Amino acid sequence: MPSTVEESLTPKEVIPKPKRRRRRSTAKASRSSAKKRGPTDDKLAVCLILFLAALAFTAILSLWVGAAVQDGPSPVTLELGPAEPCLTAGLNADIKAEEIESLRRDAYFIPVYTFLLLSLGLVVFRAAGREWRWSLAIFFLAIIAAQCDFSENTFLDSCLDGNSSAAHLAFAWSCWKWAALATALAAAGPLFLVRTDRTRQIGFVLVATGLFGLLVFVPTGREELVVHYLLAPALALGFLLIAGSFVADLAVPGQRSAHWKDR
């Protein structure tokens, strides 16, 4: 009897019930994944918008630089034209004043297009796969092009004052500048060549632009024509195609996720 009473007084052991695992709903999972993707998508969108804004500002400023010259040779002719046109322009006071004003405006234009190329390199840095490594080449070539342009302007200014030896140096720096610009744009080609949609064609245009830029080193005496009628339009077309692709990436989230990944 005592043992029975003790057993009745002993508290029963409580068997813990297994905890139910709560299933996260699909809506909650999507919301959490969206929160994770949100900051990264915002960073990519900022990079794309930055490039588009820099491109628009560069286009406007290029028109401002060209508007300084009315009667004298164009900037491309002054740099690469035959018979040293900078020496001839320096003999006319009015034309010389126009060219000096164009060089003064170009000093503001150079940092702007350099920033454009740097912003392109920043976008390429966020590429899917190993294509992001080409952004390093874009960064490097953008700085090289700017340095060549500043050196070219220095010698052009001296050439306008009658220094004939400066004309040859300005020509050489101009060739290197155009080659660096074309090669920097071509370095963005792998970003598009690895794609399988229609934007892949942009990569071929960019690579062709880089090859056009190397033609300025061929001593044909027609470097001005190569830049004016071939290289400059190819550069403009390449930037416009890139801008169109980036606008589509901003407007279509599905396309953006297919083209880019987090870095």
C-alpha atoms as a PDB file:
ATOM      1  CA  MET A   1       0.000   0.000   0.000  1.00  0.00           C
ATOM      2  CA  PRO A   2       2.622   2.622   0.872  1.00  0.00           C
ATOM      3  CA  SER A   3       4.394   2.039  -2.405  1.00  0.00           C
ATOM      4  CA  THR A   4       1.120   2.416  -4.244  1.00  0.00           C
ATOM      5  CA  VAL A   5       0.441   5.682  -2.472  1.00  0.00           C
ATOM      6  CA  GLU A   6       3.969   6.904  -3.271  1.00  0.00           C
ATOM      7  CA  GLU A   7       3.525   5.973  -6.870  1.00  0.00           C
ATOM      8  CA  SER A   8       0.278   7.874  -7.013  1.00  0.00           C
ATOM      9  CA  LEU A   9       1.892  10.911  -5.451  1.00  0.00           C
ATOM     10  CA  THR A  10       4.872  10.824  -7.817  1.00  0.00           C
ATOM     11  CA  PRO A  11       4.343  13.290 -10.684  1.00  0.00           C
ATOM     12  CA  LYS A  12       3.996  11.709 -14.037  1.00  0.00           C
ATOM     13  CA  GLU A  13       6.788  12.191 -16.444  1.00  0.00           C
ATOM     14  CA  VAL A  14       5.848  14.619 -19.164  1.00  0.00           C
ATOM     15  CA  ILE A  15       6.848  13.459 -22.597  1.00  0.00           C
ATOM     16  CA  PRO A  16       7.821  16.504 -24.663  1.00  0.00           C
ATOM     17  CA  LYS A  17       5.823  16.872 -27.805  1.00  0.00           C
ATOM     18  CA  PRO A  18       7.796  17.243 -31.006  1.00  0.00           C
ATOM     19  CA  LYS A  19       7.889  20.824 -32.188  1.00  0.00           C
ATOM     20  CA  ARG A  20       6.218  21.509 -35.430  1.00  0.00           C
ATOM     21  CA  ARG A  21       8.419  23.076 -37.981  1.00  0.00           C
ATOM     22  CA  ARG A  22       6.769  26.051 -39.437  1.00  0.00           C
ATOM     23  CA  ARG A  23       6.888  26.235 -43.146  1.00  0.00           C
ATOM     24  CA  ARG A  24       7.764  29.569 -44.519  1.00  0.00           C
ATOM     25  CA  SER A  25       5.243  30.627 -47.046  1.00  0.00           C
ATOM     26  CA  THR A  26       6.285  31.300 -50.595  1.00  0.00           C
ATOM     27  CA  ALA A  27       5.285  34.925 -50.187  1.00  0.00           C
ATOM     28  CA  LYS A  28       7.554  35.372 -47.170  1.00  0.00           C
ATOM     29  CA  ALA A  29      10.435  33.652 -48.946  1.00  0.00           C
ATOM     30  CA  SER A  30      10.046  35.852 -51.958  1.00  0.00           C
ATOM     31  CA  ARG A  31       9.903  38.935 -49.756  1.00  0.00           C
ATOM     32  CA  SER A  32      13.085  37.954 -47.946  1.00  0.00           C
ATOM     33  CA  SER A  33      14.898  37.195 -51.193  1.00  0.00           C
ATOM     34  CA  ALA A  34      13.721  40.487 -52.567  1.00  0.00           C
ATOM     35  CA  LYS A  35      15.167  42.250 -49.534  1.00  0.00           C
ATOM     36  CA  LYS A  36      18.508  40.546 -50.155  1.00  0.00           C
ATOM     37  CA  ARG A  37      18.503  41.469 -53.818  1.00  0.00           C
ATOM     38  CA  GLY A  38      17.256  44.970 -53.248  1.00  0.00           C
ATOM     39  CA  PRO A  39      20.485  46.777 -52.271  1.00  0.00           C
ATOM     40  CA  THR A  40      22.478  45.003 -54.988  1.00  0.00           C
ATOM     41  CA  ASP A  41      19.913  45.804 -57.651  1.00  0.00           C
ATOM     42  CA  ASP A  42      19.977  49.396 -56.477  1.00  0.00           C
ATOM     43  CA  LYS A  43      23.759  49.540 -56.852  1.00  0.00           C
ATOM     44  CA  LEU A  44      23.562  48.156 -60.376  1.00  0.00           C
ATOM     45  CA  ALA A  45      20.798  50.600 -61.282  1.00  0.00           C
ATOM     46  CA  VAL A  46      22.902  53.479 -59.965  1.00  0.00           C
ATOM     47  CA  CYS A  47      25.863  52.364 -62.110  1.00  0.00           C
ATOM     48  CA  LEU A  48      23.695  52.121 -65.226  1.00  0.00           C
ATOM     49  CA  ILE A  49      22.061  55.499 -64.621  1.00  0.00           C
ATOM     50  CA  LEU A  50      25.456  57.053 -63.922  1.00  0.00           C
ATOM     51  CA  PHE A  51      26.750  55.873 -67.295  1.00  0.00           C
ATOM     52  CA  LEU A  52      23.668  57.138 -69.131  1.00  0.00           C
ATOM     53  CA  ALA A  53      23.894  60.544 -67.454  1.00  0.00           C
ATOM     54  CA  ALA A  54      27.617  60.796 -68.226  1.00  0.00           C
ATOM     55  CA  LEU A  55      26.953  59.890 -71.865  1.00  0.00           C
ATOM     56  CA  ALA A  56      24.299  62.595 -72.225  1.00  0.00           C
ATOM     57  CA  PHE A  57      26.564  65.210 -70.626  1.00  0.00           C
ATOM     58  CA  THR A  58      29.490  64.157 -72.827  1.00  0.00           C
ATOM     59  CA  ALA A  59      27.387  64.526 -75.983  1.00  0.00           C
ATOM     60  CA  ILE A  60      26.264  68.014 -74.974  1.00  0.00           C
ATOM     61  CA  LEU A  61      29.778  69.116 -74.098  1.00  0.00           C
ATOM     62  CA  SER A  62      31.203  67.790 -77.366  1.00  0.00           C
ATOM     63  CA  LEU A  63      28.801  70.064 -79.247  1.00  0.00           C
ATOM     64  CA  TRP A  64      29.926  72.965 -77.065  1.00  0.00           C
ATOM     65  CA  VAL A  65      33.580  72.321 -77.904  1.00  0.00           C
ATOM     66  CA  GLY A  66      32.885  72.071 -81.632  1.00  0.00           C
ATOM     67  CA  ALA A  67      30.789  75.250 -81.623  1.00  0.00           C
ATOM     68  CA  ALA A  68      33.877  77.311 -80.734  1.00  0.00           C
ATOM     69  CA  VAL A  69      35.255  76.877 -84.266  1.00  0.00           C
ATOM     70  CA  GLN A  70      33.348  78.610 -87.065  1.00  0.00           C
ATOM     71  CA  ASP A  71      35.868  79.456 -89.805  1.00  0.00           C
ATOM     72  CA  GLY A  72      38.938  77.457 -88.819  1.00  0.00           C
ATOM     73  CA  PRO A  73      39.682  73.737 -89.213  1.00  0.00           C
ATOM     74  CA  SER A  74      37.727  71.280 -87.093  1.00  0.00           C
ATOM     75  CA  PRO A  75      39.419  69.762 -84.039  1.00  0.00           C
ATOM     76  CA  VAL A  76      40.074  66.484 -85.891  1.00  0.00           C
ATOM     77  CA  THR A  77      41.591  68.346 -88.846  1.00  0.00           C
ATOM     78  CA  LEU A  78      43.716  70.470 -86.519  1.00  0.00           C
ATOM     79  CA  GLU A  79      45.060  67.319 -84.854  1.00  0.00           C
ATOM     80  CA  LEU A  80      45.539  64.970 -87.791  1.00  0.00           C
ATOM     81  CA  GLY A  81      45.146  67.001 -90.965  1.00  0.00           C
ATOM     82  CA  PRO A  82      47.902  66.992 -93.590  1.00  0.00           C
ATOM     83  CA  ALA A  83      50.241  69.941 -94.169  1.00  0.00           C
ATOM     84  CA  GLU A  84      50.214  70.865 -90.452  1.00  0.00           C
ATOM     85  CA  PRO A  85      46.983  72.913 -90.388  1.00  0.00           C
ATOM     86  CA  CYS A  86      47.710  74.198 -86.885  1.00  0.00           C
ATOM     87  CA  LEU A  87      50.606  76.242 -88.288  1.00  0.00           C
ATOM     88  CA  THR A  88      48.366  77.704 -90.981  1.00  0.00           C
ATOM     89  CA  ALA A  89      45.620  78.465 -88.478  1.00  0.00           C
ATOM     90  CA  GLY A  90      48.105  80.322 -86.297  1.00  0.00           C
ATOM     91  CA  LEU A  91      48.756  82.834 -89.066  1.00  0.00           C
ATOM     92  CA  ASN A  92      45.188  84.151 -88.968  1.00  0.00           C
ATOM     93  CA  ALA A  93      44.365  86.027 -85.773  1.00  0.00           C
ATOM     94  CA  ASP A  94      40.633  85.281 -85.869  1.00  0.00           C
ATOM     95  CA  ILE A  95      41.033  81.585 -86.636  1.00  0.00           C
ATOM     96  CA  LYS A  96      43.776  81.290 -84.027  1.00  0.00           C
ATOM     97  CA  ALA A  97      41.450  82.797 -81.416  1.00  0.00           C
ATOM     98  CA  GLU A  98      38.766  80.244 -82.320  1.00  0.00           C
ATOM     99  CA  GLU A  99      41.168  77.329 -82.056  1.00  0.00           C
ATOM    100  CA  ILE A 100      42.526  78.532 -78.711  1.00  0.00           C
ATOM    101  CA  GLU A 101      38.967  78.828 -77.397  1.00  0.00           C
ATOM    102  CA  SER A 102      38.260  75.296 -78.620  1.00  0.00           C
ATOM    103  CA  LEU A 103      41.337  74.024 -76.778  1.00  0.00           C
ATOM    104  CA  ARG A 104      40.218  75.866 -73.646  1.00  0.00           C
ATOM    105  CA  ARG A 105      36.805  74.198 -73.808  1.00  0.00           C
ATOM    106  CA  ASP A 106      38.423  70.847 -74.510  1.00  0.00           C
ATOM    107  CA  ALA A 107      40.140  71.088 -71.132  1.00  0.00           C
ATOM    108  CA  TYR A 108      36.670  70.739 -69.578  1.00  0.00           C
ATOM    109  CA  PHE A 109      35.585  68.071 -72.044  1.00  0.00           C
ATOM    110  CA  ILE A 110      38.466  65.694 -71.310  1.00  0.00           C
ATOM    111  CA  PRO A 111      37.518  64.989 -67.659  1.00  0.00           C
ATOM    112  CA  VAL A 112      33.895  64.474 -68.708  1.00  0.00           C
ATOM    113  CA  TYR A 113      34.555  61.775 -71.305  1.00  0.00           C
ATOM    114  CA  THR A 114      37.123  60.237 -68.964  1.00  0.00           C
ATOM    115  CA  PHE A 115      34.411  59.949 -66.335  1.00  0.00           C
ATOM    116  CA  LEU A 116      32.162  58.392 -68.998  1.00  0.00           C
ATOM    117  CA  LEU A 117      34.718  55.653 -69.657  1.00  0.00           C
ATOM    118  CA  LEU A 118      35.289  55.123 -65.940  1.00  0.00           C
ATOM    119  CA  SER A 119      31.543  54.728 -65.407  1.00  0.00           C
ATOM    120  CA  LEU A 120      31.500  52.176 -68.236  1.00  0.00           C
ATOM    121  CA  GLY A 121      34.308  50.314 -66.504  1.00  0.00           C
ATOM    122  CA  LEU A 122      32.303  50.379 -63.288  1.00  0.00           C
ATOM    123  CA  VAL A 123      29.348  48.793 -65.063  1.00  0.00           C
ATOM    124  CA  VAL A 124      31.536  46.134 -66.676  1.00  0.00           C
ATOM    125  CA  PHE A 125      32.947  45.372 -63.221  1.00  0.00           C
ATOM    126  CA  ARG A 126      29.503  44.051 -62.282  1.00  0.00           C
ATOM    127  CA  ALA A 127      29.400  41.656 -65.231  1.00  0.00           C
ATOM    128  CA  ALA A 128      28.487  38.009 -64.839  1.00  0.00           C
ATOM    129  CA  GLY A 129      31.456  35.674 -65.108  1.00  0.00           C
ATOM    130  CA  ARG A 130      35.051  36.614 -65.720  1.00  0.00           C
ATOM    131  CA  GLU A 131      34.186  39.433 -68.099  1.00  0.00           C
ATOM    132  CA  TRP A 132      34.454  41.861 -65.173  1.00  0.00           C
ATOM    133  CA  ARG A 133      38.251  41.710 -65.509  1.00  0.00           C
ATOM    134  CA  TRP A 134      38.034  43.783 -68.662  1.00  0.00           C
ATOM    135  CA  SER A 135      36.925  46.695 -66.499  1.00  0.00           C
ATOM    136  CA  LEU A 136      40.533  47.046 -65.362  1.00  0.00           C
ATOM    137  CA  ALA A 137      41.592  47.616 -68.966  1.00  0.00           C
ATOM    138  CA  ILE A 138      38.876  50.246 -69.393  1.00  0.00           C
ATOM    139  CA  PHE A 139      40.019  52.097 -66.267  1.00  0.00           C
ATOM    140  CA  PHE A 140      43.633  52.061 -67.444  1.00  0.00           C
ATOM    141  CA  LEU A 141      42.910  53.109 -71.037  1.00  0.00           C
ATOM    142  CA  ALA A 142      40.586  55.915 -69.915  1.00  0.00           C
ATOM    143  CA  ILE A 143      43.412  57.506 -67.945  1.00  0.00           C
ATOM    144  CA  ILE A 144      45.851  56.983 -70.821  1.00  0.00           C
ATOM    145  CA  ALA A 145      43.473  58.637 -73.317  1.00  0.00           C
ATOM    146  CA  ALA A 146      43.004  61.650 -71.051  1.00  0.00           C
ATOM    147  CA  GLN A 147      46.752  62.075 -70.562  1.00  0.00           C
ATOM    148  CA  CYS A 148      47.342  61.841 -74.316  1.00  0.00           C
ATOM    149  CA  ASP A 149      44.633  64.432 -74.947  1.00  0.00           C
ATOM    150  CA  PHE A 150      46.122  66.909 -72.477  1.00  0.00           C
ATOM    151  CA  SER A 151      49.577  66.439 -74.021  1.00  0.00           C
ATOM    152  CA  GLU A 152      48.127  66.874 -77.508  1.00  0.00           C
ATOM    153  CA  ASN A 153      46.459  70.151 -76.536  1.00  0.00           C
ATOM    154  CA  THR A 154      49.691  71.457 -75.051  1.00  0.00           C
ATOM    155  CA  PHE A 155      51.559  70.913 -78.314  1.00  0.00           C
ATOM    156  CA  LEU A 156      48.664  72.214 -80.423  1.00  0.00           C
ATOM    157  CA  ASP A 157      48.744  75.446 -78.458  1.00  0.00           C
ATOM    158  CA  SER A 158      52.487  75.690 -79.106  1.00  0.00           C
ATOM    159  CA  CYS A 159      51.940  74.895 -82.785  1.00  0.00           C
ATOM    160  CA  LEU A 160      49.434  77.733 -83.098  1.00  0.00           C
ATOM    161  CA  ASP A 161      52.217  80.024 -81.879  1.00  0.00           C
ATOM    162  CA  GLY A 162      54.416  78.892 -84.776  1.00  0.00           C
ATOM    163  CA  ASN A 163      56.364  75.966 -83.316  1.00  0.00           C
ATOM    164  CA  SER A 164      56.610  73.529 -86.231  1.00  0.00           C
ATOM    165  CA  SER A 165      58.151  70.709 -84.173  1.00  0.00           C
ATOM    166  CA  ALA A 166      55.136  70.796 -81.862  1.00  0.00           C
ATOM    167  CA  ALA A 167      52.866  69.887 -84.784  1.00  0.00           C
ATOM    168  CA  HIS A 168      54.484  66.458 -85.146  1.00  0.00           C
ATOM    169  CA  LEU A 169      54.235  65.802 -81.416  1.00  0.00           C
ATOM    170  CA  ALA A 170      50.584  66.853 -81.352  1.00  0.00           C
ATOM    171  CA  PHE A 171      49.916  64.460 -84.245  1.00  0.00           C
ATOM    172  CA  ALA A 172      51.569  61.573 -82.389  1.00  0.00           C
ATOM    173  CA  TRP A 173      49.689  62.208 -79.142  1.00  0.00           C
ATOM    174  CA  SER A 174      46.425  62.471 -81.080  1.00  0.00           C
ATOM    175  CA  CYS A 175      46.979  59.053 -82.677  1.00  0.00           C
ATOM    176  CA  TRP A 176      47.583  57.496 -79.273  1.00  0.00           C
ATOM    177  CA  LYS A 177      44.516  59.234 -77.865  1.00  0.00           C
ATOM    178  CA  TRP A 178      42.163  57.906 -80.535  1.00  0.00           C
ATOM    179  CA  ALA A 179      43.655  54.423 -80.280  1.00  0.00           C
ATOM    180  CA  ALA A 180      43.205  54.428 -76.484  1.00  0.00           C
ATOM    181  CA  LEU A 181      39.591  55.587 -76.776  1.00  0.00           C
ATOM    182  CA  ALA A 182      38.752  52.912 -79.336  1.00  0.00           C
ATOM    183  CA  THR A 183      40.506  50.168 -77.381  1.00  0.00           C
ATOM    184  CA  ALA A 184      38.795  51.189 -74.141  1.00  0.00           C
ATOM    185  CA  LEU A 185      35.409  50.850 -75.805  1.00  0.00           C
ATOM    186  CA  ALA A 186      36.428  47.523 -77.362  1.00  0.00           C
ATOM    187  CA  ALA A 187      37.314  46.246 -73.869  1.00  0.00           C
ATOM    188  CA  ALA A 188      33.591  46.329 -73.090  1.00  0.00           C
ATOM    189  CA  GLY A 189      32.962  43.922 -75.971  1.00  0.00           C
ATOM    190  CA  PRO A 190      33.344  40.677 -73.959  1.00  0.00           C
ATOM    191  CA  LEU A 191      30.493  41.847 -71.718  1.00  0.00           C
ATOM    192  CA  PHE A 192      28.150  41.420 -74.704  1.00  0.00           C
ATOM    193  CA  LEU A 193      29.894  38.643 -76.643  1.00  0.00           C
ATOM    194  CA  VAL A 194      29.157  36.054 -73.945  1.00  0.00           C
ATOM    195  CA  ARG A 195      25.419  36.710 -74.153  1.00  0.00           C
ATOM    196  CA  THR A 196      23.002  34.647 -76.198  1.00  0.00           C
ATOM    197  CA  ASP A 197      20.372  37.267 -76.976  1.00  0.00           C
ATOM    198  CA  ARG A 198      20.407  40.013 -79.583  1.00  0.00           C
ATOM    199  CA  THR A 199      22.630  42.269 -77.444  1.00  0.00           C
ATOM    200  CA  ARG A 200      25.500  39.947 -78.403  1.00  0.00           C
ATOM    201  CA  GLN A 201      25.771  41.861 -81.674  1.00  0.00           C
ATOM    202  CA  ILE A 202      26.899  44.927 -79.719  1.00  0.00           C
ATOM    203  CA  GLY A 203      30.099  43.097 -78.833  1.00  0.00           C
ATOM    204  CA  PHE A 204      31.056  42.722 -82.492  1.00  0.00           C
ATOM    205  CA  VAL A 205      30.531  46.450 -83.084  1.00  0.00           C
ATOM    206  CA  LEU A 206      32.750  47.304 -80.118  1.00  0.00           C
ATOM    207  CA  VAL A 207      35.528  44.947 -81.202  1.00  0.00           C
ATOM    208  CA  ALA A 208      35.397  46.379 -84.731  1.00  0.00           C
ATOM    209  CA  THR A 209      35.724  49.867 -83.236  1.00  0.00           C
ATOM    210  CA  GLY A 210      38.891  48.801 -81.463  1.00  0.00           C
ATOM    211  CA  LEU A 211      40.334  47.553 -84.748  1.00  0.00           C
ATOM    212  CA  PHE A 212      39.438  50.828 -86.440  1.00  0.00           C
ATOM    213  CA  GLY A 213      41.366  52.649 -83.724  1.00  0.00           C
ATOM    214  CA  LEU A 214      44.552  50.797 -84.648  1.00  0.00           C
ATOM    215  CA  LEU A 215      44.335  52.113 -88.212  1.00  0.00           C
ATOM    216  CA  VAL A 216      45.568  55.527 -87.055  1.00  0.00           C
ATOM    217  CA  PHE A 217      49.030  53.994 -86.667  1.00  0.00           C
ATOM    218  CA  VAL A 218      49.142  53.007 -90.335  1.00  0.00           C
ATOM    219  CA  PRO A 219      51.193  55.770 -92.032  1.00  0.00           C
ATOM    220  CA  THR A 220      48.881  56.427 -94.980  1.00  0.00           C
ATOM    221  CA  GLY A 221      48.569  60.191 -94.590  1.00  0.00           C
ATOM    222  CA  ARG A 222      44.796  59.735 -94.275  1.00  0.00           C
ATOM    223  CA  GLU A 223      44.539  59.515 -90.517  1.00  0.00           C
ATOM    224  CA  GLU A 224      42.160  62.467 -90.464  1.00  0.00           C
ATOM    225  CA  LEU A 225      39.760  60.697 -92.836  1.00  0.00           C
ATOM    226  CA  VAL A 226      39.996  57.449 -90.854  1.00  0.00           C
ATOM    227  CA  VAL A 227      39.001  59.229 -87.647  1.00  0.00           C
ATOM    228  CA  HIS A 228      36.440  61.566 -89.170  1.00  0.00           C
ATOM    229  CA  TYR A 229      34.544  59.080 -91.331  1.00  0.00           C
ATOM    230  CA  LEU A 230      35.229  55.725 -89.679  1.00  0.00           C
ATOM    231  CA  LEU A 231      36.455  55.809 -86.100  1.00  0.00           C
ATOM    232  CA  ALA A 232      34.399  58.704 -84.702  1.00  0.00           C
ATOM    233  CA  PRO A 233      31.077  57.346 -86.103  1.00  0.00           C
ATOM    234  CA  ALA A 234      31.968  53.861 -84.810  1.00  0.00           C
ATOM    235  CA  LEU A 235      32.616  55.274 -81.336  1.00  0.00           C
ATOM    236  CA  ALA A 236      29.298  57.125 -81.388  1.00  0.00           C
ATOM    237  CA  LEU A 237      27.431  54.021 -82.583  1.00  0.00           C
ATOM    238  CA  GLY A 238      29.059  51.855 -79.930  1.00  0.00           C
ATOM    239  CA  PHE A 239      28.115  54.189 -77.101  1.00  0.00           C
ATOM    240  CA  LEU A 240      24.546  54.493 -78.407  1.00  0.00           C
ATOM    241  CA  LEU A 241      24.137  50.708 -78.612  1.00  0.00           C
ATOM    242  CA  ILE A 242      25.494  50.289 -75.095  1.00  0.00           C
ATOM    243  CA  ALA A 243      23.128  52.983 -73.837  1.00  0.00           C
ATOM    244  CA  GLY A 244      20.159  51.275 -75.492  1.00  0.00           C
ATOM    245  CA  SER A 245      21.054  47.976 -73.840  1.00  0.00           C
ATOM    246  CA  PHE A 246      21.428  49.603 -70.420  1.00  0.00           C
ATOM    247  CA  VAL A 247      18.088  51.400 -70.765  1.00  0.00           C
ATOM    248  CA  ALA A 248      16.462  48.039 -71.492  1.00  0.00           C
ATOM    249  CA  ASP A 249      18.182  46.525 -68.450  1.00  0.00           C
ATOM    250  CA  LEU A 250      16.707  49.266 -66.281  1.00  0.00           C
ATOM    251  CA  ALA A 251      13.242  48.891 -67.773  1.00  0.00           C
ATOM    252  CA  VAL A 252      13.043  45.075 -67.854  1.00  0.00           C
ATOM    253  CA  PRO A 253      14.009  43.406 -64.540  1.00  0.00           C
ATOM    254  CA  GLY A 254      14.079  39.955 -66.139  1.00  0.00           C
ATOM    255  CA  GLN A 255      16.642  41.046 -68.687  1.00  0.00           C
ATOM    256  CA  ARG A 256      18.682  42.733 -65.982  1.00  0.00           C
ATOM    257  CA  SER A 257      18.849  39.562 -63.892  1.00  0.00           C
ATOM    258  CA  ALA A 258      19.888  37.567 -66.961  1.00  0.00           C
ATOM    259  CA  HIS A 259      22.722  39.955 -67.812  1.00  0.00           C
ATOM    260  CA  TRP A 260      24.137  40.727 -64.387  1.00  0.00           C
ATOM    261  CA  LYS A 261      24.994  39.079 -61.112  1.00  0.00           C
ATOM    262  CA  ASP A 262      26.037  40.287 -57.660  1.00  0.00           C
ATOM    263  CA  ARG A 263      29.645  41.212 -57.080  1.00  0.00           C
END
